[in-house]
Every structure is written in structure tokens, then in C-alpha cells.
């Protein structure tokens, strides 16, 4: 019997995971990637520590994917965080769980895991064609721009995993959106996710504090209240705590034209205690000394409190205490999608069936960030890509019979 030929377009985490599942089942698989080597974005993401998944309770883990969680639940159930860790261990990239619950390979970097993964795929017979940039559909199948010119390729089934629109220089440039819309696929607008925001800082504040971390605070938005830290940038704010609230802040900016990043500068103290301790400071004491002695705040935290209050307001201990517990940083806009860690939007789940196959194009499957879902940083993005890649591969095999 002649085995079906499967083409996978996109050599990132979702595409490579699909290739592994298909090849292990005996399928002939060719992976096409537009760059000189696959998984460039994975390599860059892993430079400061490859966060594969998260070890928090599974119900809470799944909740990170809302509102798309119901559409992803079957795929996530089939490849849970424990499964991700076991898979990495099987590649020789033994994992550990950090104090935050994030799961990393002990080597931290992505390159050892990727080398082992590509070696496994080669052993399974997977062919990887680099410098093959997909340019569209044709009567025979797929068209590619390659060093040898424009080529056409056919396959019995195709799985696309071309990513979203963040980090375009690493391949995720959303060039697939127009061709997919042209064949009747409903694609939601791609927007930045896990991104920083612009703030109209005072010039003197930027000059002194750009690059400074703001540690041991909590932030509140429509996404809830979470502890963590963020960084002051020349443009505004960025960092893990900002990314945890980025979707809610982005959506409020889009709906109302304004949004505040509200932070508690002193989460270990109540407003009543702060007001009492601030009220004990002498009337002639400087604002810096009152904050340092009465609230334990100095440096960038004190500068933020000064920046977003008037001199008259700072004289009232009750008002100042309330402001320190809920300091609103007004946001101008989210940073461009090219700078975002990931993107929101993509192919709506109404355009695919339960096998991750396009209803408009039987035999064409999609996975990863091409789909309309988003999640915060913390291992959720990679787990979602792995899980949907595996699910789409299994759906493809079911369709092929």
C-alpha cells in the first residue's frame, strides 16, 4: 500500500509536533519552512530560559486560555503539562519546576532540545525543506518561493502551522491571512498579545528610570489581581506582570480609548496602616522621606507615586495611602505587534471542525498561533502550540483513514 504524502507548512513548535505524530504513525511527511532553519522563534524564546509549560493545577491552567478554552480543551486534555515535561525528558532535555511553577529544561536553552528533536524527526523519516516560503494555493496544491524559483508541490493532506504576526523577522509575518481569506476562511484581526504599553512619561522620569524594575507589587485589571514585577521602558511599561494583564488592557483601550494599569506599591500593608504611618511623619519632612519612613518606598516606586499625584494630594495621609494601594498608570496604546511576544486573533474556530480541518477546504488542517486563541507567558503559549499540533495531526490521520 502506498502511504499518503503529508505536507506541513511551518517548522515551528506546532508544525514539528504534528510532524512527529504523523511520522511515528508511518506517514510520509515533508516540512516546509521559509527560513534557513526551522523553529527560529523557539530558539530566540529559549535564549533566556525555555519555558515549556506550567505546573499549576490543571483547572487553573486551562483557564488561562479563556475565552478560547472550550475550543482547545480536547487538545489540551490530550497533551497536558505533565505530558509536555515527559516528552522533553524523552528528548534528553530533563525538566525542572521553578519557584513560580514554570517548567524549564535543566539546560534552560532551547538549542539542545531542538537538536535532539530534529534528530528524532530525521530518524522517523521526516524531510525538512528550508528556504521554502509558502506563497499560496494553486490548482495542483501549494506554491513556494525557493532559491530555485517558484515551485508547486502536491500532497494528500496539508497541515499549516505558520504562526501569528509577532516577530515577523523570524517567520511569523501573517502572510498567510490574505490567501486563507480568499478561499473563504474567517480570520479574526491579528492583534498584539503579551506586549508592553506606551505611557506618556515625564522626560526626567524616563532619563532616570528607563530600564528600572518595579518589584514586589500587585496589578489589577479586568483580568483580576496578580502579584509580580514589571519594567519601566523609554516607551512605557513591559515585563511579565504587564503581559499577564495585556489582553484585558488592550481590549479596554480598544473599547473605551483609555485604560489604566493599576498597581499596589505596598501589597504587604493595608491602607489603614499606611495612612497611620504616613500621618506620623512631620509636616516639614520631604515627600521622599515621608514615603521612605512611612511606607517603606523609595527609588522608582517613590518616583511613580510622585508622578501621578499633586502636591496638595500628597499632603493628605488618607488620600496618599489610597493612591499607593491603587496607583493608576494611564496607558496610551499597546506596543506594535512586531514587538509582541505573541499575537491574538487568527482563524476562527467556526471555520474548522473538531479535527482542526478547514470547513472551506477539506484536507487542509491548521494548528498553533494561526488559530484564534491567546494565553499569557508562563509556558501556556508553547503548550497550546504543542497540543494543537498533535490534535491537528490526529485529525488529519482520521480524515485520511
Protein backbone atom coordinates (compact mmCIF):
# COMPACT_ATOMS: atom_id res chain seq x y z
CA UNK A 1 0.00 0.00 0.00
CA UNK A 2 1.29 3.48 -0.87
CA UNK A 3 1.30 5.73 2.20
CA UNK A 4 -0.29 9.16 1.94
CA UNK A 5 2.01 12.14 1.45
CA UNK A 6 1.53 14.85 4.07
CA UNK A 7 2.88 18.40 3.76
CA UNK A 8 3.39 20.52 6.84
CA UNK A 9 3.84 24.22 6.14
CA UNK A 10 5.68 25.90 9.02
CA UNK A 11 8.54 24.44 11.03
CA UNK A 12 7.78 25.90 14.46
CA UNK A 13 6.66 24.03 17.61
CA UNK A 14 3.15 23.20 16.31
CA UNK A 15 4.40 22.05 12.91
CA UNK A 16 7.25 19.93 14.26
CA UNK A 17 4.96 18.34 16.86
CA UNK A 18 2.48 17.45 14.12
CA UNK A 19 5.31 16.01 12.03
CA UNK A 20 6.39 13.80 14.95
CA UNK A 21 2.89 12.40 15.48
CA UNK A 22 2.34 11.74 11.78
CA UNK A 23 5.76 10.22 11.12
CA UNK A 24 5.52 7.99 14.20
CA UNK A 25 2.28 6.65 12.69
CA UNK A 26 4.09 5.78 9.47
CA UNK A 27 3.11 8.74 7.30
CA UNK A 28 5.45 10.26 4.72
CA UNK A 29 5.95 13.81 6.00
CA UNK A 30 7.65 16.83 4.46
CA UNK A 31 8.00 20.03 6.50
CA UNK A 32 8.37 23.27 4.54
CA UNK A 33 9.82 26.32 6.30
CA UNK A 34 10.59 29.72 4.84
CA UNK A 35 13.75 30.41 6.86
CA UNK A 36 17.22 28.82 6.57
CA UNK A 37 16.49 26.63 9.62
CA UNK A 38 13.32 25.62 11.47
CA UNK A 39 11.99 26.86 14.81
CA UNK A 40 13.85 30.18 14.82
CA UNK A 41 11.29 31.77 17.15
CA UNK A 42 11.61 28.86 19.59
CA UNK A 43 15.37 29.33 19.68
CA UNK A 44 15.09 33.05 20.41
CA UNK A 45 12.42 32.50 23.06
CA UNK A 46 14.69 29.99 24.77
CA UNK A 47 17.73 32.25 24.99
CA UNK A 48 16.74 33.49 28.44
CA UNK A 49 15.22 30.17 29.52
CA UNK A 50 12.87 27.93 27.53
CA UNK A 51 9.59 27.99 29.47
CA UNK A 52 7.89 24.82 28.17
CA UNK A 53 4.77 24.68 30.34
CA UNK A 54 3.40 25.41 33.82
CA UNK A 55 2.90 23.15 36.82
CA UNK A 56 -0.13 24.86 38.39
CA UNK A 57 -3.34 22.84 39.00
CA UNK A 58 -4.78 21.78 35.66
CA UNK A 59 -8.16 23.52 36.05
CA UNK A 60 -6.40 26.82 36.64
CA UNK A 61 -4.01 26.07 33.77
CA UNK A 62 -6.85 25.56 31.29
CA UNK A 63 -8.49 28.78 32.49
CA UNK A 64 -5.52 30.76 31.13
CA UNK A 65 -6.82 30.11 27.60
CA UNK A 66 -10.21 31.78 28.08
CA UNK A 67 -12.29 32.63 26.11
CA UNK A 68 -10.95 30.01 23.66
CA UNK A 69 -10.60 27.33 26.36
CA UNK A 70 -13.75 25.37 25.33
CA UNK A 71 -12.40 25.03 21.77
CA UNK A 72 -8.96 23.96 23.00
CA UNK A 73 -9.91 21.71 25.90
CA UNK A 74 -9.86 18.41 23.96
CA UNK A 75 -6.40 19.16 22.56
CA UNK A 76 -5.07 20.26 25.96
CA UNK A 77 -6.57 17.22 27.70
CA UNK A 78 -4.65 15.00 25.28
CA UNK A 79 -1.30 16.72 25.98
CA UNK A 80 -1.25 18.14 29.49
CA UNK A 81 1.66 19.91 31.18
CA UNK A 82 2.89 16.60 32.66
CA UNK A 83 2.93 15.15 29.15
CA UNK A 84 4.97 18.10 27.89
CA UNK A 85 7.56 17.53 30.61
CA UNK A 86 7.73 13.77 29.87
CA UNK A 87 8.11 14.48 26.16
CA UNK A 88 11.02 16.83 26.84
CA UNK A 89 12.58 14.30 29.22
CA UNK A 90 12.37 11.72 26.42
CA UNK A 91 14.48 14.02 24.24
CA UNK A 92 17.14 14.17 26.94
CA UNK A 93 16.06 17.66 27.97
CA UNK A 94 15.26 16.80 31.59
CA UNK A 95 12.99 19.42 33.14
CA UNK A 96 12.57 21.13 36.49
CA UNK A 97 9.86 23.32 38.00
CA UNK A 98 10.87 26.77 39.20
CA UNK A 99 9.51 28.57 42.26
CA UNK A 100 6.91 30.31 40.06
CA UNK A 101 5.56 26.99 38.79
CA UNK A 102 7.12 27.44 35.37
CA UNK A 103 8.71 24.35 33.84
CA UNK A 104 12.11 24.59 32.10
CA UNK A 105 14.70 22.19 30.70
CA UNK A 106 17.61 21.97 33.12
CA UNK A 107 19.86 23.23 30.32
CA UNK A 108 17.49 26.24 30.14
CA UNK A 109 18.24 26.96 26.47
CA UNK A 110 16.17 25.72 23.52
CA UNK A 111 19.05 24.63 21.28
CA UNK A 112 19.84 21.25 22.92
CA UNK A 113 16.16 20.25 22.89
CA UNK A 114 15.70 21.37 19.28
CA UNK A 115 18.78 19.48 18.10
CA UNK A 116 17.53 16.29 19.76
CA UNK A 117 14.04 16.85 18.37
CA UNK A 118 15.23 17.33 14.78
CA UNK A 119 17.40 14.22 15.12
CA UNK A 120 14.36 12.23 16.26
CA UNK A 121 12.30 13.54 13.33
CA UNK A 122 15.04 12.63 10.86
CA UNK A 123 15.12 9.13 12.35
CA UNK A 124 11.37 8.88 11.74
CA UNK A 125 11.89 9.77 8.09
CA UNK A 126 10.67 13.39 8.18
CA UNK A 127 12.05 15.56 5.38
CA UNK A 128 12.62 19.23 6.22
CA UNK A 129 12.76 21.67 3.31
CA UNK A 130 14.10 25.07 4.40
CA UNK A 131 14.01 28.32 2.40
CA UNK A 132 10.62 27.25 1.06
CA UNK A 133 8.30 30.21 1.69
CA UNK A 134 4.67 29.34 1.09
CA UNK A 135 3.04 31.81 -1.30
CA UNK A 136 -0.46 30.39 -1.81
CA UNK A 137 -2.78 27.71 -3.08
CA UNK A 138 -2.80 26.54 -6.69
CA UNK A 139 -4.71 24.04 -8.79
CA UNK A 140 -2.18 21.30 -8.04
CA UNK A 141 -1.76 22.13 -4.35
CA UNK A 142 0.77 24.57 -2.89
CA UNK A 143 3.18 27.14 -4.27
CA UNK A 144 6.52 28.06 -2.72
CA UNK A 145 9.18 30.68 -3.31
CA UNK A 146 12.56 28.93 -3.09
CA UNK A 147 16.20 29.64 -4.03
CA UNK A 148 15.47 27.64 -7.22
CA UNK A 149 12.47 29.78 -8.11
CA UNK A 150 8.74 29.26 -7.74
CA UNK A 151 7.77 25.64 -7.14
CA UNK A 152 4.50 23.75 -6.94
CA UNK A 153 4.02 20.80 -4.61
CA UNK A 154 1.18 18.34 -4.11
CA UNK A 155 0.14 16.32 -1.07
CA UNK A 156 -2.74 14.13 0.03
CA UNK A 157 -3.25 16.37 3.05
CA UNK A 158 -1.72 19.63 4.29
CA UNK A 159 -1.23 20.96 7.81
CA UNK A 160 -0.45 24.66 8.22
CA UNK A 161 1.37 25.97 11.28
CA UNK A 162 2.64 29.36 10.15
CA UNK A 163 2.23 31.24 13.43
CA UNK A 164 0.66 34.62 14.05
CA UNK A 165 2.10 38.06 13.36
CA UNK A 166 4.63 38.65 16.14
CA UNK A 167 8.37 38.61 15.44
CA UNK A 168 7.98 38.72 11.62
CA UNK A 169 11.72 38.52 11.04
CA UNK A 170 11.56 35.01 12.49
CA UNK A 171 8.87 33.91 10.06
CA UNK A 172 5.57 34.83 11.75
CA UNK A 173 4.61 37.62 9.37
CA UNK A 174 0.90 36.78 8.80
CA UNK A 175 1.50 36.46 5.06
CA UNK A 176 -0.98 33.58 5.09
CA UNK A 177 -4.00 35.73 6.08
CA UNK A 178 -4.94 37.02 2.60
CA UNK A 179 -4.72 33.63 0.82
CA UNK A 180 -6.81 31.98 3.54
CA UNK A 181 -9.45 34.70 3.45
CA UNK A 182 -9.54 34.33 -0.35
CA UNK A 183 -10.73 30.72 -0.02
CA UNK A 184 -13.48 31.66 2.43
CA UNK A 185 -11.78 31.21 5.80
CA UNK A 186 -12.92 33.60 8.54
CA UNK A 187 -9.79 35.17 10.05
CA UNK A 188 -10.12 37.48 13.05
CA UNK A 189 -7.90 40.56 13.03
CA UNK A 190 -4.44 39.80 14.36
CA UNK A 191 -3.54 41.94 17.38
CA UNK A 192 -0.53 42.13 19.72
CA UNK A 193 -0.62 39.92 22.81
CA UNK A 194 1.89 39.69 25.66
CA UNK A 195 3.15 43.13 24.76
CA UNK A 196 4.19 46.32 26.51
CA UNK A 197 2.27 49.62 26.52
CA UNK A 198 3.14 53.23 25.84
CA UNK A 199 2.93 55.70 28.72
CA UNK A 200 3.40 59.48 28.41
CA UNK A 201 6.28 59.60 30.88
CA UNK A 202 7.84 62.80 32.10
CA UNK A 203 11.20 63.25 30.31
CA UNK A 204 13.13 63.48 33.58
CA UNK A 205 11.49 60.28 34.84
CA UNK A 206 12.49 58.38 31.69
CA UNK A 207 16.02 59.67 31.83
CA UNK A 208 16.45 58.38 35.37
CA UNK A 209 14.37 55.21 35.47
CA UNK A 210 14.22 53.68 31.96
CA UNK A 211 15.17 50.03 32.43
CA UNK A 212 14.38 50.02 36.16
CA UNK A 213 12.41 47.04 37.51
CA UNK A 214 9.37 47.66 39.70
CA UNK A 215 9.37 44.67 42.05
CA UNK A 216 7.04 43.22 44.67
CA UNK A 217 3.82 44.85 43.51
CA UNK A 218 0.38 43.61 42.51
CA UNK A 219 -1.56 44.71 39.45
CA UNK A 220 -5.32 44.84 38.91
CA UNK A 221 -7.30 44.90 35.67
CA UNK A 222 -10.33 43.18 34.17
CA UNK A 223 -8.14 40.05 34.26
CA UNK A 224 -8.07 40.11 38.07
CA UNK A 225 -5.32 40.87 40.59
CA UNK A 226 -1.88 39.27 40.37
CA UNK A 227 1.50 39.78 42.06
CA UNK A 228 4.75 40.19 40.17
CA UNK A 229 7.07 42.77 38.70
CA UNK A 230 7.45 44.86 35.56
CA UNK A 231 9.98 47.17 33.93
CA UNK A 232 9.94 50.85 33.07
CA UNK A 233 10.88 51.35 29.41
CA UNK A 234 11.54 54.50 27.44
CA UNK A 235 8.16 54.00 25.78
CA UNK A 236 6.18 52.90 28.83
CA UNK A 237 5.92 49.57 30.67
CA UNK A 238 6.74 45.95 29.86
CA UNK A 239 7.52 42.68 31.60
CA UNK A 240 5.77 39.59 32.94
CA UNK A 241 3.24 41.39 35.15
CA UNK A 242 2.22 43.66 32.28
CA UNK A 243 1.87 40.68 29.93
CA UNK A 244 -0.42 38.92 32.41
CA UNK A 245 -2.86 41.83 32.02
CA UNK A 246 -2.10 42.76 28.41
CA UNK A 247 -5.20 41.22 26.84
CA UNK A 248 -7.59 42.92 29.27
CA UNK A 249 -5.82 46.28 28.97
CA UNK A 250 -5.62 46.05 25.17
CA UNK A 251 -9.32 45.27 24.89
CA UNK A 252 -10.30 48.12 27.24
CA UNK A 253 -8.16 50.54 25.25
CA UNK A 254 -9.86 49.35 22.08
CA UNK A 255 -13.36 49.65 23.53
CA UNK A 256 -13.04 52.89 25.51
CA UNK A 257 -9.93 54.60 24.17
CA UNK A 258 -8.32 54.64 27.61
CA UNK A 259 -7.11 52.20 30.26
CA UNK A 260 -5.11 52.31 33.49
CA UNK A 261 -2.57 49.80 34.71
CA UNK A 262 -3.45 49.89 38.42
CA UNK A 263 -0.71 48.79 40.81
CA UNK A 264 -0.43 48.35 44.56
CA UNK A 265 3.01 49.67 45.50
CA UNK A 266 2.85 48.28 49.05
CA UNK A 267 0.93 44.96 48.91
CA UNK A 268 2.20 43.94 52.34
CA UNK A 269 0.49 46.85 54.12
CA UNK A 270 -3.13 47.85 54.48
CA UNK A 271 -4.35 51.30 53.51
CA UNK A 272 -5.22 51.97 57.17
CA UNK A 273 -1.71 51.15 58.33
CA UNK A 274 -0.16 53.23 55.56
CA UNK A 275 -2.35 56.24 56.43
CA UNK A 276 -1.44 55.92 60.10
CA UNK A 277 2.29 55.59 59.46
CA UNK A 278 2.33 58.40 56.89
CA UNK A 279 0.38 60.65 59.27
CA UNK A 280 3.08 60.24 61.91
CA UNK A 281 5.68 61.89 59.69
CA UNK A 282 6.49 65.54 60.38
CA UNK A 283 4.75 68.17 58.27
CA UNK A 284 8.10 69.63 57.27
CA UNK A 285 9.53 66.28 56.09
CA UNK A 286 10.10 65.95 52.35
CA UNK A 287 7.80 63.71 50.33
CA UNK A 288 10.68 61.27 49.73
CA UNK A 289 11.38 60.95 53.44
CA UNK A 290 7.68 60.56 54.29
CA UNK A 291 7.37 57.73 51.75
CA UNK A 292 10.56 56.04 52.87
CA UNK A 293 9.80 56.18 56.60
CA UNK A 294 6.02 55.87 56.47
CA UNK A 295 5.57 53.40 53.60
CA UNK A 296 8.98 51.83 53.03
CA UNK A 297 9.04 53.12 49.45
CA UNK A 298 11.92 54.74 47.60
CA UNK A 299 13.55 54.76 44.17
CA UNK A 300 11.28 54.07 41.22
CA UNK A 301 8.24 53.35 43.40
CA UNK A 302 8.52 56.72 45.09
CA UNK A 303 9.01 58.37 41.71
CA UNK A 304 5.83 56.75 40.37
CA UNK A 305 3.87 57.94 43.40
CA UNK A 306 5.17 61.47 42.87
CA UNK A 307 4.47 61.39 39.13
CA UNK A 308 0.80 60.51 39.50
CA UNK A 309 -0.21 62.80 42.36
CA UNK A 310 -0.34 66.53 43.02
CA UNK A 311 1.48 68.32 45.83
CA UNK A 312 -1.82 69.09 47.54
CA UNK A 313 -2.97 65.46 47.34
CA UNK A 314 0.31 64.21 48.79
CA UNK A 315 -0.30 66.20 52.00
CA UNK A 316 -3.37 64.08 52.89
CA UNK A 317 -2.22 60.78 54.50
CA UNK A 318 -5.53 59.03 53.81
CA UNK A 319 -5.60 60.07 50.17
CA UNK A 320 -1.92 59.19 49.69
CA UNK A 321 -2.36 55.76 51.30
CA UNK A 322 -5.28 55.00 48.99
CA UNK A 323 -3.23 56.11 45.99
CA UNK A 324 -0.27 53.93 46.96
CA UNK A 325 -2.61 50.93 47.19
CA UNK A 326 -4.16 51.62 43.77
CA UNK A 327 -1.85 53.77 41.67
CA UNK A 328 -3.26 54.20 38.14
CA UNK A 329 -0.70 54.37 35.34
CA UNK A 330 -2.57 55.75 32.29
CA UNK A 331 -1.79 53.84 29.08
CA UNK A 332 -1.67 55.46 25.64
CA UNK A 333 -1.55 52.39 23.38
CA UNK A 334 -0.23 48.85 23.17
CA UNK A 335 3.15 48.41 21.51
CA UNK A 336 3.23 47.32 17.83
CA UNK A 337 2.51 43.68 17.00
CA UNK A 338 6.05 43.31 15.60
CA UNK A 339 7.36 43.74 19.15
CA UNK A 340 4.83 41.46 20.84
CA UNK A 341 5.76 38.07 22.22
CA UNK A 342 2.66 36.58 20.62
CA UNK A 343 -0.48 37.63 18.78
CA UNK A 344 -4.22 37.32 19.30
CA UNK A 345 -6.75 36.69 16.58
CA UNK A 346 -6.42 34.29 13.67
CA UNK A 347 -8.59 31.60 12.12
CA UNK A 348 -11.88 31.48 13.99
CA UNK A 349 -12.86 28.11 15.42
CA UNK A 350 -16.13 28.38 13.49
CA UNK A 351 -14.01 27.88 10.33
CA UNK A 352 -12.65 24.48 11.41
CA UNK A 353 -14.19 21.21 12.52
CA UNK A 354 -13.34 19.12 15.58
CA UNK A 355 -10.35 17.66 13.68
CA UNK A 356 -8.83 21.14 13.11
CA UNK A 357 -9.67 20.86 9.39
CA UNK A 358 -10.87 23.87 7.41
CA UNK A 359 -14.52 23.50 6.53
CA UNK A 360 -13.84 25.58 3.41
CA UNK A 361 -11.00 23.31 2.25
CA UNK A 362 -11.22 19.59 3.10
CA UNK A 363 -7.81 18.07 3.61
CA UNK A 364 -6.28 21.30 4.93
CA UNK A 365 -5.61 21.44 8.67
CA UNK A 366 -4.36 24.28 10.90
CA UNK A 367 -2.63 24.48 14.28
CA UNK A 368 -0.72 26.75 16.65
CA UNK A 369 -0.90 30.54 16.65
CA UNK A 370 -2.73 30.63 13.32
CA UNK A 371 -5.84 29.88 15.37
CA UNK A 372 -7.86 32.50 17.26
CA UNK A 373 -6.59 32.00 20.81
CA UNK A 374 -4.15 33.67 23.14
CA UNK A 375 -2.59 32.97 26.50
CA UNK A 376 -0.16 34.73 28.86
CA UNK A 377 3.51 33.91 29.05
CA UNK A 378 4.46 31.19 31.51
CA UNK A 379 4.60 28.12 29.27
CA UNK A 380 0.99 28.42 28.12
CA UNK A 381 1.87 29.52 24.58
CA UNK A 382 4.19 26.59 23.87
CA UNK A 383 1.85 24.06 25.45
CA UNK A 384 -1.01 25.38 23.32
CA UNK A 385 1.10 25.07 20.16
CA UNK A 386 2.26 21.55 21.04
CA UNK A 387 -1.27 20.44 21.89
CA UNK A 388 -2.96 21.84 18.79
CA UNK A 389 -0.18 20.48 16.57
CA UNK A 390 -0.77 17.00 17.96
CA UNK A 391 -4.55 17.34 17.74
CA UNK A 392 -4.47 18.54 14.14
CA UNK A 393 -2.12 15.68 13.21
CA UNK A 394 -4.51 13.14 14.71
CA UNK A 395 -7.42 14.81 12.94
CA UNK A 396 -5.53 14.60 9.68
CA UNK A 397 -4.88 10.88 10.15
CA UNK A 398 -8.54 10.32 10.93
CA UNK A 399 -9.52 12.15 7.74
CA UNK A 400 -7.07 10.11 5.67
CA UNK A 401 -8.39 6.94 7.25
